[in-house]
Amino acid sequence: MLDTARRVETPEGIELALEVAGPMPRAVAWTVDVFLRSILYFVIAMVAGVLGKFGLGLFLLTLFLMEWFYPVLGEMFMNGATPGKKMVGLRVIQDDGTPVGWGPSIIRNLVRSIDFLPLGYGVGLLCMLFNRDFKRLGDMAAGTLVVYAAAPKDVQTRGDARPAAPPWPLTPDEQQTLVNFAERRGQITPERAAELARAAGPLVSVEEDPAGQLEAYANWVAGEP
């Protein structure tokens, strides 16, 4: 694989692990976008053909707007992805991991005219092959990255332990810790879950199933019936 991992820290201090997209998936996404635009151009050309000079002007205007603003609108209103990128599972973000803004999106797409030289994104491909983050000139100028979109996280579920009130009132942080433990209990071994549960100290009063007791408290905190 040509793709590499990159870690960035957001302005909030959160570290993100990102998979930077290489030339091949980006080429596939670009091909899909070209195909979709071609279908639209064909439909508009058929309509414009019966409208004479007005139709020709309409077609040329549409061609101009689509070539320059199709990717910008996709990146701004589809979470950083044109339809082609969305189908491949890619998105555009800024270097610090935040969503791409209007300015960077416009810049990176205006510079496409240089990246496309001399033919078929020759300059852009050359830049990507010699850049650690596979950036073409437009990405360098705009401070953007093309990464794999994060896969949706599985919905975390708690066990079916009967809800029970904890022996004393818990702080909001303690309540959240209980719920987090209950949601992740199924992802670790029973032995490890019991070990972690015993770390709760006096909150756990049973020896045979301490994790189940914390799960019961978590279900009560979460308002399970």
C-alpha atoms as a PDB file:
ATOM      1  CA  MET A   1       0.000   0.000   0.000  1.00  0.00           C
ATOM      2  CA  LEU A   2       1.174   3.500  -0.781  1.00  0.00           C
ATOM      3  CA  ASP A   3      -0.912   5.036   1.989  1.00  0.00           C
ATOM      4  CA  THR A   4       0.582   6.059   5.299  1.00  0.00           C
ATOM      5  CA  ALA A   5      -0.702   6.846   8.752  1.00  0.00           C
ATOM      6  CA  ARG A   6      -0.391  10.311  10.207  1.00  0.00           C
ATOM      7  CA  ARG A   7      -1.129  11.568  13.710  1.00  0.00           C
ATOM      8  CA  VAL A   8      -2.344  15.134  14.194  1.00  0.00           C
ATOM      9  CA  GLU A   9      -3.404  17.054  17.272  1.00  0.00           C
ATOM     10  CA  THR A  10      -6.591  19.119  17.028  1.00  0.00           C
ATOM     11  CA  PRO A  11      -6.850  22.614  18.555  1.00  0.00           C
ATOM     12  CA  GLU A  12      -8.732  20.961  21.451  1.00  0.00           C
ATOM     13  CA  GLY A  13      -5.680  18.819  22.222  1.00  0.00           C
ATOM     14  CA  ILE A  14      -7.171  15.574  20.865  1.00  0.00           C
ATOM     15  CA  GLU A  15      -4.784  13.339  18.944  1.00  0.00           C
ATOM     16  CA  LEU A  16      -6.226  11.822  15.779  1.00  0.00           C
ATOM     17  CA  ALA A  17      -4.806   8.890  13.838  1.00  0.00           C
ATOM     18  CA  LEU A  18      -5.474   9.512  10.143  1.00  0.00           C
ATOM     19  CA  GLU A  19      -4.906   7.299   7.116  1.00  0.00           C
ATOM     20  CA  VAL A  20      -3.687   9.533   4.296  1.00  0.00           C
ATOM     21  CA  ALA A  21      -5.037   8.512   0.884  1.00  0.00           C
ATOM     22  CA  GLY A  22      -2.534   7.802  -1.869  1.00  0.00           C
ATOM     23  CA  PRO A  23      -2.743   8.347  -5.641  1.00  0.00           C
ATOM     24  CA  MET A  24      -4.715   5.205  -6.533  1.00  0.00           C
ATOM     25  CA  PRO A  25      -7.876   5.735  -4.427  1.00  0.00           C
ATOM     26  CA  ARG A  26      -7.831   9.429  -5.306  1.00  0.00           C
ATOM     27  CA  ALA A  27      -7.626   8.537  -9.011  1.00  0.00           C
ATOM     28  CA  VAL A  28     -10.631   6.245  -8.637  1.00  0.00           C
ATOM     29  CA  ALA A  29     -12.607   8.992  -6.891  1.00  0.00           C
ATOM     30  CA  TRP A  30     -11.650  11.489  -9.619  1.00  0.00           C
ATOM     31  CA  THR A  31     -12.760   9.046 -12.319  1.00  0.00           C
ATOM     32  CA  VAL A  32     -16.151   8.603 -10.651  1.00  0.00           C
ATOM     33  CA  ASP A  33     -16.615  12.377 -10.427  1.00  0.00           C
ATOM     34  CA  VAL A  34     -15.684  12.804 -14.109  1.00  0.00           C
ATOM     35  CA  PHE A  35     -18.207  10.131 -15.053  1.00  0.00           C
ATOM     36  CA  LEU A  36     -20.989  11.795 -13.031  1.00  0.00           C
ATOM     37  CA  ARG A  37     -20.251  15.210 -14.503  1.00  0.00           C
ATOM     38  CA  SER A  38     -20.166  13.742 -18.011  1.00  0.00           C
ATOM     39  CA  ILE A  39     -23.669  12.365 -17.570  1.00  0.00           C
ATOM     40  CA  LEU A  40     -24.875  15.794 -16.482  1.00  0.00           C
ATOM     41  CA  TYR A  41     -23.138  17.483 -19.422  1.00  0.00           C
ATOM     42  CA  PHE A  42     -24.763  15.038 -21.843  1.00  0.00           C
ATOM     43  CA  VAL A  43     -28.240  15.755 -20.468  1.00  0.00           C
ATOM     44  CA  ILE A  44     -27.712  19.518 -20.555  1.00  0.00           C
ATOM     45  CA  ALA A  45     -26.282  19.337 -24.100  1.00  0.00           C
ATOM     46  CA  MET A  46     -29.412  17.542 -25.304  1.00  0.00           C
ATOM     47  CA  VAL A  47     -31.629  20.238 -23.813  1.00  0.00           C
ATOM     48  CA  ALA A  48     -29.363  23.057 -24.979  1.00  0.00           C
ATOM     49  CA  GLY A  49     -29.351  21.708 -28.521  1.00  0.00           C
ATOM     50  CA  VAL A  50     -32.938  22.771 -29.079  1.00  0.00           C
ATOM     51  CA  LEU A  51     -32.433  26.264 -27.615  1.00  0.00           C
ATOM     52  CA  GLY A  52     -30.017  27.599 -30.188  1.00  0.00           C
ATOM     53  CA  LYS A  53     -27.470  30.193 -29.081  1.00  0.00           C
ATOM     54  CA  PHE A  54     -29.121  30.540 -25.689  1.00  0.00           C
ATOM     55  CA  GLY A  55     -28.715  26.820 -25.166  1.00  0.00           C
ATOM     56  CA  LEU A  56     -25.040  26.986 -26.142  1.00  0.00           C
ATOM     57  CA  GLY A  57     -24.462  29.791 -23.650  1.00  0.00           C
ATOM     58  CA  LEU A  58     -26.279  27.816 -20.959  1.00  0.00           C
ATOM     59  CA  PHE A  59     -24.164  24.766 -21.678  1.00  0.00           C
ATOM     60  CA  LEU A  60     -20.878  26.700 -21.548  1.00  0.00           C
ATOM     61  CA  LEU A  61     -21.906  28.410 -18.295  1.00  0.00           C
ATOM     62  CA  THR A  62     -22.809  25.079 -16.738  1.00  0.00           C
ATOM     63  CA  LEU A  63     -19.520  23.586 -17.935  1.00  0.00           C
ATOM     64  CA  PHE A  64     -17.564  26.426 -16.304  1.00  0.00           C
ATOM     65  CA  LEU A  65     -19.437  26.289 -13.006  1.00  0.00           C
ATOM     66  CA  MET A  66     -19.281  22.513 -12.709  1.00  0.00           C
ATOM     67  CA  GLU A  67     -15.569  22.249 -13.507  1.00  0.00           C
ATOM     68  CA  TRP A  68     -14.585  24.870 -10.934  1.00  0.00           C
ATOM     69  CA  PHE A  69     -17.220  24.646  -8.211  1.00  0.00           C
ATOM     70  CA  TYR A  70     -18.423  21.021  -8.296  1.00  0.00           C
ATOM     71  CA  PRO A  71     -15.576  19.872  -5.987  1.00  0.00           C
ATOM     72  CA  VAL A  72     -15.858  22.948  -3.758  1.00  0.00           C
ATOM     73  CA  LEU A  73     -19.587  22.467  -3.163  1.00  0.00           C
ATOM     74  CA  GLY A  74     -19.077  18.756  -2.561  1.00  0.00           C
ATOM     75  CA  GLU A  75     -16.344  19.370   0.000  1.00  0.00           C
ATOM     76  CA  MET A  76     -18.356  22.040   1.802  1.00  0.00           C
ATOM     77  CA  PHE A  77     -21.763  20.377   1.899  1.00  0.00           C
ATOM     78  CA  MET A  78     -20.869  16.660   1.941  1.00  0.00           C
ATOM     79  CA  ASN A  79     -18.457  16.550   4.865  1.00  0.00           C
ATOM     80  CA  GLY A  80     -15.340  17.194   2.821  1.00  0.00           C
ATOM     81  CA  ALA A  81     -16.128  14.782   0.001  1.00  0.00           C
ATOM     82  CA  THR A  82     -17.315  14.990  -3.589  1.00  0.00           C
ATOM     83  CA  PRO A  83     -19.643  12.141  -4.644  1.00  0.00           C
ATOM     84  CA  GLY A  84     -16.617  10.305  -6.049  1.00  0.00           C
ATOM     85  CA  LYS A  85     -14.633  10.650  -2.836  1.00  0.00           C
ATOM     86  CA  LYS A  86     -17.657   9.601  -0.815  1.00  0.00           C
ATOM     87  CA  MET A  87     -18.050   6.404  -2.854  1.00  0.00           C
ATOM     88  CA  VAL A  88     -14.385   5.530  -2.322  1.00  0.00           C
ATOM     89  CA  GLY A  89     -14.483   6.491   1.363  1.00  0.00           C
ATOM     90  CA  LEU A  90     -12.272   9.595   1.232  1.00  0.00           C
ATOM     91  CA  ARG A  91     -12.634  13.121   2.547  1.00  0.00           C
ATOM     92  CA  VAL A  92     -10.691  16.389   2.561  1.00  0.00           C
ATOM     93  CA  ILE A  93      -9.634  17.915   5.871  1.00  0.00           C
ATOM     94  CA  GLN A  94      -7.233  20.613   6.955  1.00  0.00           C
ATOM     95  CA  ASP A  95      -3.740  19.812   8.184  1.00  0.00           C
ATOM     96  CA  ASP A  96      -4.781  20.128  11.831  1.00  0.00           C
ATOM     97  CA  GLY A  97      -7.558  17.554  11.427  1.00  0.00           C
ATOM     98  CA  THR A  98     -10.413  20.067  11.367  1.00  0.00           C
ATOM     99  CA  PRO A  99     -13.050  20.160   8.584  1.00  0.00           C
ATOM    100  CA  VAL A 100     -12.002  21.946   5.416  1.00  0.00           C
ATOM    101  CA  GLY A 101     -13.233  25.536   5.090  1.00  0.00           C
ATOM    102  CA  TRP A 102     -14.380  27.582   2.124  1.00  0.00           C
ATOM    103  CA  GLY A 103     -11.028  29.322   1.614  1.00  0.00           C
ATOM    104  CA  PRO A 104      -8.820  26.201   1.590  1.00  0.00           C
ATOM    105  CA  SER A 105     -11.332  24.316  -0.552  1.00  0.00           C
ATOM    106  CA  ILE A 106     -11.417  27.072  -3.170  1.00  0.00           C
ATOM    107  CA  ILE A 107      -7.620  27.377  -3.191  1.00  0.00           C
ATOM    108  CA  ARG A 108      -6.950  23.631  -3.552  1.00  0.00           C
ATOM    109  CA  ASN A 109      -9.402  23.383  -6.442  1.00  0.00           C
ATOM    110  CA  LEU A 110      -8.190  26.501  -8.253  1.00  0.00           C
ATOM    111  CA  VAL A 111      -4.648  25.106  -8.243  1.00  0.00           C
ATOM    112  CA  ARG A 112      -5.978  21.975  -9.996  1.00  0.00           C
ATOM    113  CA  SER A 113      -5.296  23.785 -13.269  1.00  0.00           C
ATOM    114  CA  ILE A 114      -1.566  23.537 -12.504  1.00  0.00           C
ATOM    115  CA  ASP A 115      -1.735  20.042 -11.022  1.00  0.00           C
ATOM    116  CA  PHE A 116      -3.420  18.826 -14.219  1.00  0.00           C
ATOM    117  CA  LEU A 117      -0.446  19.830 -16.402  1.00  0.00           C
ATOM    118  CA  PRO A 118       0.774  18.595 -18.807  1.00  0.00           C
ATOM    119  CA  LEU A 119      -2.006  16.012 -18.966  1.00  0.00           C
ATOM    120  CA  GLY A 120      -3.984  13.837 -16.565  1.00  0.00           C
ATOM    121  CA  TYR A 121      -2.692  15.404 -13.334  1.00  0.00           C
ATOM    122  CA  GLY A 122       0.936  14.790 -14.269  1.00  0.00           C
ATOM    123  CA  VAL A 123       2.301  17.542 -12.004  1.00  0.00           C
ATOM    124  CA  GLY A 124      -0.060  16.579  -9.206  1.00  0.00           C
ATOM    125  CA  LEU A 125       0.931  12.903  -9.370  1.00  0.00           C
ATOM    126  CA  LEU A 126       4.630  13.774  -9.341  1.00  0.00           C
ATOM    127  CA  CYS A 127       4.128  15.960  -6.263  1.00  0.00           C
ATOM    128  CA  MET A 128       2.173  13.243  -4.455  1.00  0.00           C
ATOM    129  CA  LEU A 129       4.847  10.624  -5.080  1.00  0.00           C
ATOM    130  CA  PHE A 130       7.508  12.822  -3.492  1.00  0.00           C
ATOM    131  CA  ASN A 131       5.420  14.070  -0.560  1.00  0.00           C
ATOM    132  CA  ARG A 132       5.054  12.145   2.711  1.00  0.00           C
ATOM    133  CA  ASP A 133       1.335  12.997   2.919  1.00  0.00           C
ATOM    134  CA  PHE A 134       0.623  12.498  -0.810  1.00  0.00           C
ATOM    135  CA  LYS A 135      -0.158  16.179  -1.299  1.00  0.00           C
ATOM    136  CA  ARG A 136      -0.548  17.682  -4.725  1.00  0.00           C
ATOM    137  CA  LEU A 137       0.235  21.383  -5.243  1.00  0.00           C
ATOM    138  CA  GLY A 138      -3.337  22.361  -4.380  1.00  0.00           C
ATOM    139  CA  ASP A 139      -3.110  20.606  -1.017  1.00  0.00           C
ATOM    140  CA  MET A 140       0.225  22.258  -0.272  1.00  0.00           C
ATOM    141  CA  ALA A 141      -1.153  25.700  -1.081  1.00  0.00           C
ATOM    142  CA  ALA A 142      -4.379  25.195   0.897  1.00  0.00           C
ATOM    143  CA  GLY A 143      -2.951  23.252   3.836  1.00  0.00           C
ATOM    144  CA  THR A 144      -5.251  20.270   3.283  1.00  0.00           C
ATOM    145  CA  LEU A 145      -5.064  16.480   3.402  1.00  0.00           C
ATOM    146  CA  VAL A 146      -7.068  13.779   1.656  1.00  0.00           C
ATOM    147  CA  VAL A 147      -7.691  10.964   4.138  1.00  0.00           C
ATOM    148  CA  TYR A 148      -9.817   7.886   4.507  1.00  0.00           C
ATOM    149  CA  ALA A 149     -13.088   8.772   6.196  1.00  0.00           C
ATOM    150  CA  ALA A 150     -13.393   7.193   9.623  1.00  0.00           C
ATOM    151  CA  ALA A 151     -15.636   4.132   9.665  1.00  0.00           C
ATOM    152  CA  PRO A 152     -18.816   4.565  11.730  1.00  0.00           C
ATOM    153  CA  LYS A 153     -18.316   3.363  15.251  1.00  0.00           C
ATOM    154  CA  ASP A 154     -20.314   0.406  16.397  1.00  0.00           C
ATOM    155  CA  VAL A 155     -23.107   1.294  18.770  1.00  0.00           C
ATOM    156  CA  GLN A 156     -21.991   0.392  22.257  1.00  0.00           C
ATOM    157  CA  THR A 157     -24.518  -1.563  24.312  1.00  0.00           C
ATOM    158  CA  ARG A 158     -24.581  -2.443  27.974  1.00  0.00           C
ATOM    159  CA  GLY A 159     -25.357  -5.864  29.370  1.00  0.00           C
ATOM    160  CA  ASP A 160     -28.722  -6.953  30.732  1.00  0.00           C
ATOM    161  CA  ALA A 161     -27.830  -6.889  34.427  1.00  0.00           C
ATOM    162  CA  ARG A 162     -30.779  -5.862  36.570  1.00  0.00           C
ATOM    163  CA  PRO A 163     -30.413  -2.152  37.504  1.00  0.00           C
ATOM    164  CA  ALA A 164     -29.357  -1.496  41.066  1.00  0.00           C
ATOM    165  CA  ALA A 165     -28.736   1.785  42.856  1.00  0.00           C
ATOM    166  CA  PRO A 166     -25.137   2.361  43.984  1.00  0.00           C
ATOM    167  CA  PRO A 167     -24.580   2.426  47.752  1.00  0.00           C
ATOM    168  CA  TRP A 168     -23.925   6.175  47.781  1.00  0.00           C
ATOM    169  CA  PRO A 169     -24.423   9.128  45.393  1.00  0.00           C
ATOM    170  CA  LEU A 170     -21.889   9.270  42.580  1.00  0.00           C
ATOM    171  CA  THR A 171     -20.395  12.302  40.899  1.00  0.00           C
ATOM    172  CA  PRO A 172     -21.158  12.876  37.194  1.00  0.00           C
ATOM    173  CA  ASP A 173     -17.624  11.721  36.278  1.00  0.00           C
ATOM    174  CA  GLU A 174     -18.045   8.537  38.300  1.00  0.00           C
ATOM    175  CA  GLN A 175     -21.417   7.866  36.664  1.00  0.00           C
ATOM    176  CA  GLN A 176     -19.904   8.319  33.196  1.00  0.00           C
ATOM    177  CA  THR A 177     -17.027   5.977  34.092  1.00  0.00           C
ATOM    178  CA  LEU A 178     -19.517   3.306  35.137  1.00  0.00           C
ATOM    179  CA  VAL A 179     -21.472   3.603  31.882  1.00  0.00           C
ATOM    180  CA  ASN A 180     -18.255   3.504  29.827  1.00  0.00           C
ATOM    181  CA  PHE A 181     -17.137   0.370  31.657  1.00  0.00           C
ATOM    182  CA  ALA A 182     -20.479  -1.357  31.079  1.00  0.00           C
ATOM    183  CA  GLU A 183     -20.451  -0.500  27.363  1.00  0.00           C
ATOM    184  CA  ARG A 184     -16.945  -1.874  26.897  1.00  0.00           C
ATOM    185  CA  ARG A 185     -17.285  -4.931  29.111  1.00  0.00           C
ATOM    186  CA  GLY A 186     -18.123  -7.169  26.167  1.00  0.00           C
ATOM    187  CA  GLN A 187     -14.896  -6.204  24.372  1.00  0.00           C
ATOM    188  CA  ILE A 188     -12.549  -7.545  27.073  1.00  0.00           C
ATOM    189  CA  THR A 189     -12.131 -10.902  28.740  1.00  0.00           C
ATOM    190  CA  PRO A 190     -14.186 -11.734  31.882  1.00  0.00           C
ATOM    191  CA  GLU A 191     -10.971 -11.945  33.893  1.00  0.00           C
ATOM    192  CA  ARG A 192      -9.850  -8.475  32.822  1.00  0.00           C
ATOM    193  CA  ALA A 193     -13.344  -7.060  33.428  1.00  0.00           C
ATOM    194  CA  ALA A 194     -13.325  -8.478  36.968  1.00  0.00           C
ATOM    195  CA  GLU A 195      -9.861  -7.062  37.589  1.00  0.00           C
ATOM    196  CA  LEU A 196     -10.950  -3.602  36.482  1.00  0.00           C
ATOM    197  CA  ALA A 197     -14.153  -3.830  38.514  1.00  0.00           C
ATOM    198  CA  ARG A 198     -12.248  -4.615  41.714  1.00  0.00           C
ATOM    199  CA  ALA A 199     -10.330  -1.370  41.203  1.00  0.00           C
ATOM    200  CA  ALA A 200     -13.563   0.413  42.172  1.00  0.00           C
ATOM    201  CA  GLY A 201     -12.765  -0.496  45.779  1.00  0.00           C
ATOM    202  CA  PRO A 202     -15.610  -0.338  48.281  1.00  0.00           C
ATOM    203  CA  LEU A 203     -18.145   0.287  45.498  1.00  0.00           C
ATOM    204  CA  VAL A 204     -17.901  -3.440  44.749  1.00  0.00           C
ATOM    205  CA  SER A 205     -19.209  -5.700  47.516  1.00  0.00           C
ATOM    206  CA  VAL A 206     -19.453  -9.063  45.748  1.00  0.00           C
ATOM    207  CA  GLU A 207     -16.460 -11.254  44.937  1.00  0.00           C
ATOM    208  CA  GLU A 208     -17.964 -13.683  42.457  1.00  0.00           C
ATOM    209  CA  ASP A 209     -19.106 -11.125  39.847  1.00  0.00           C
ATOM    210  CA  PRO A 210     -17.763  -7.623  40.532  1.00  0.00           C
ATOM    211  CA  ALA A 211     -18.111  -6.617  36.869  1.00  0.00           C
ATOM    212  CA  GLY A 212     -21.786  -7.601  36.903  1.00  0.00           C
ATOM    213  CA  GLN A 213     -22.360  -5.458  39.978  1.00  0.00           C
ATOM    214  CA  LEU A 214     -20.835  -2.407  38.303  1.00  0.00           C
ATOM    215  CA  GLU A 215     -22.918  -3.134  35.215  1.00  0.00           C
ATOM    216  CA  ALA A 216     -26.056  -3.151  37.364  1.00  0.00           C
ATOM    217  CA  TYR A 217     -25.058   0.250  38.787  1.00  0.00           C
ATOM    218  CA  ALA A 218     -24.412   1.525  35.250  1.00  0.00           C
ATOM    219  CA  ASN A 219     -27.851   0.409  34.064  1.00  0.00           C
ATOM    220  CA  TRP A 220     -29.413   2.207  37.031  1.00  0.00           C
ATOM    221  CA  VAL A 221     -27.422   5.376  36.249  1.00  0.00           C
ATOM    222  CA  ALA A 222     -28.502   5.153  32.599  1.00  0.00           C
ATOM    223  CA  GLY A 223     -32.140   4.847  33.626  1.00  0.00           C
ATOM    224  CA  GLU A 224     -32.711   1.320  32.383  1.00  0.00           C
ATOM    225  CA  PRO A 225     -36.076  -0.090  33.428  1.00  0.00           C
END
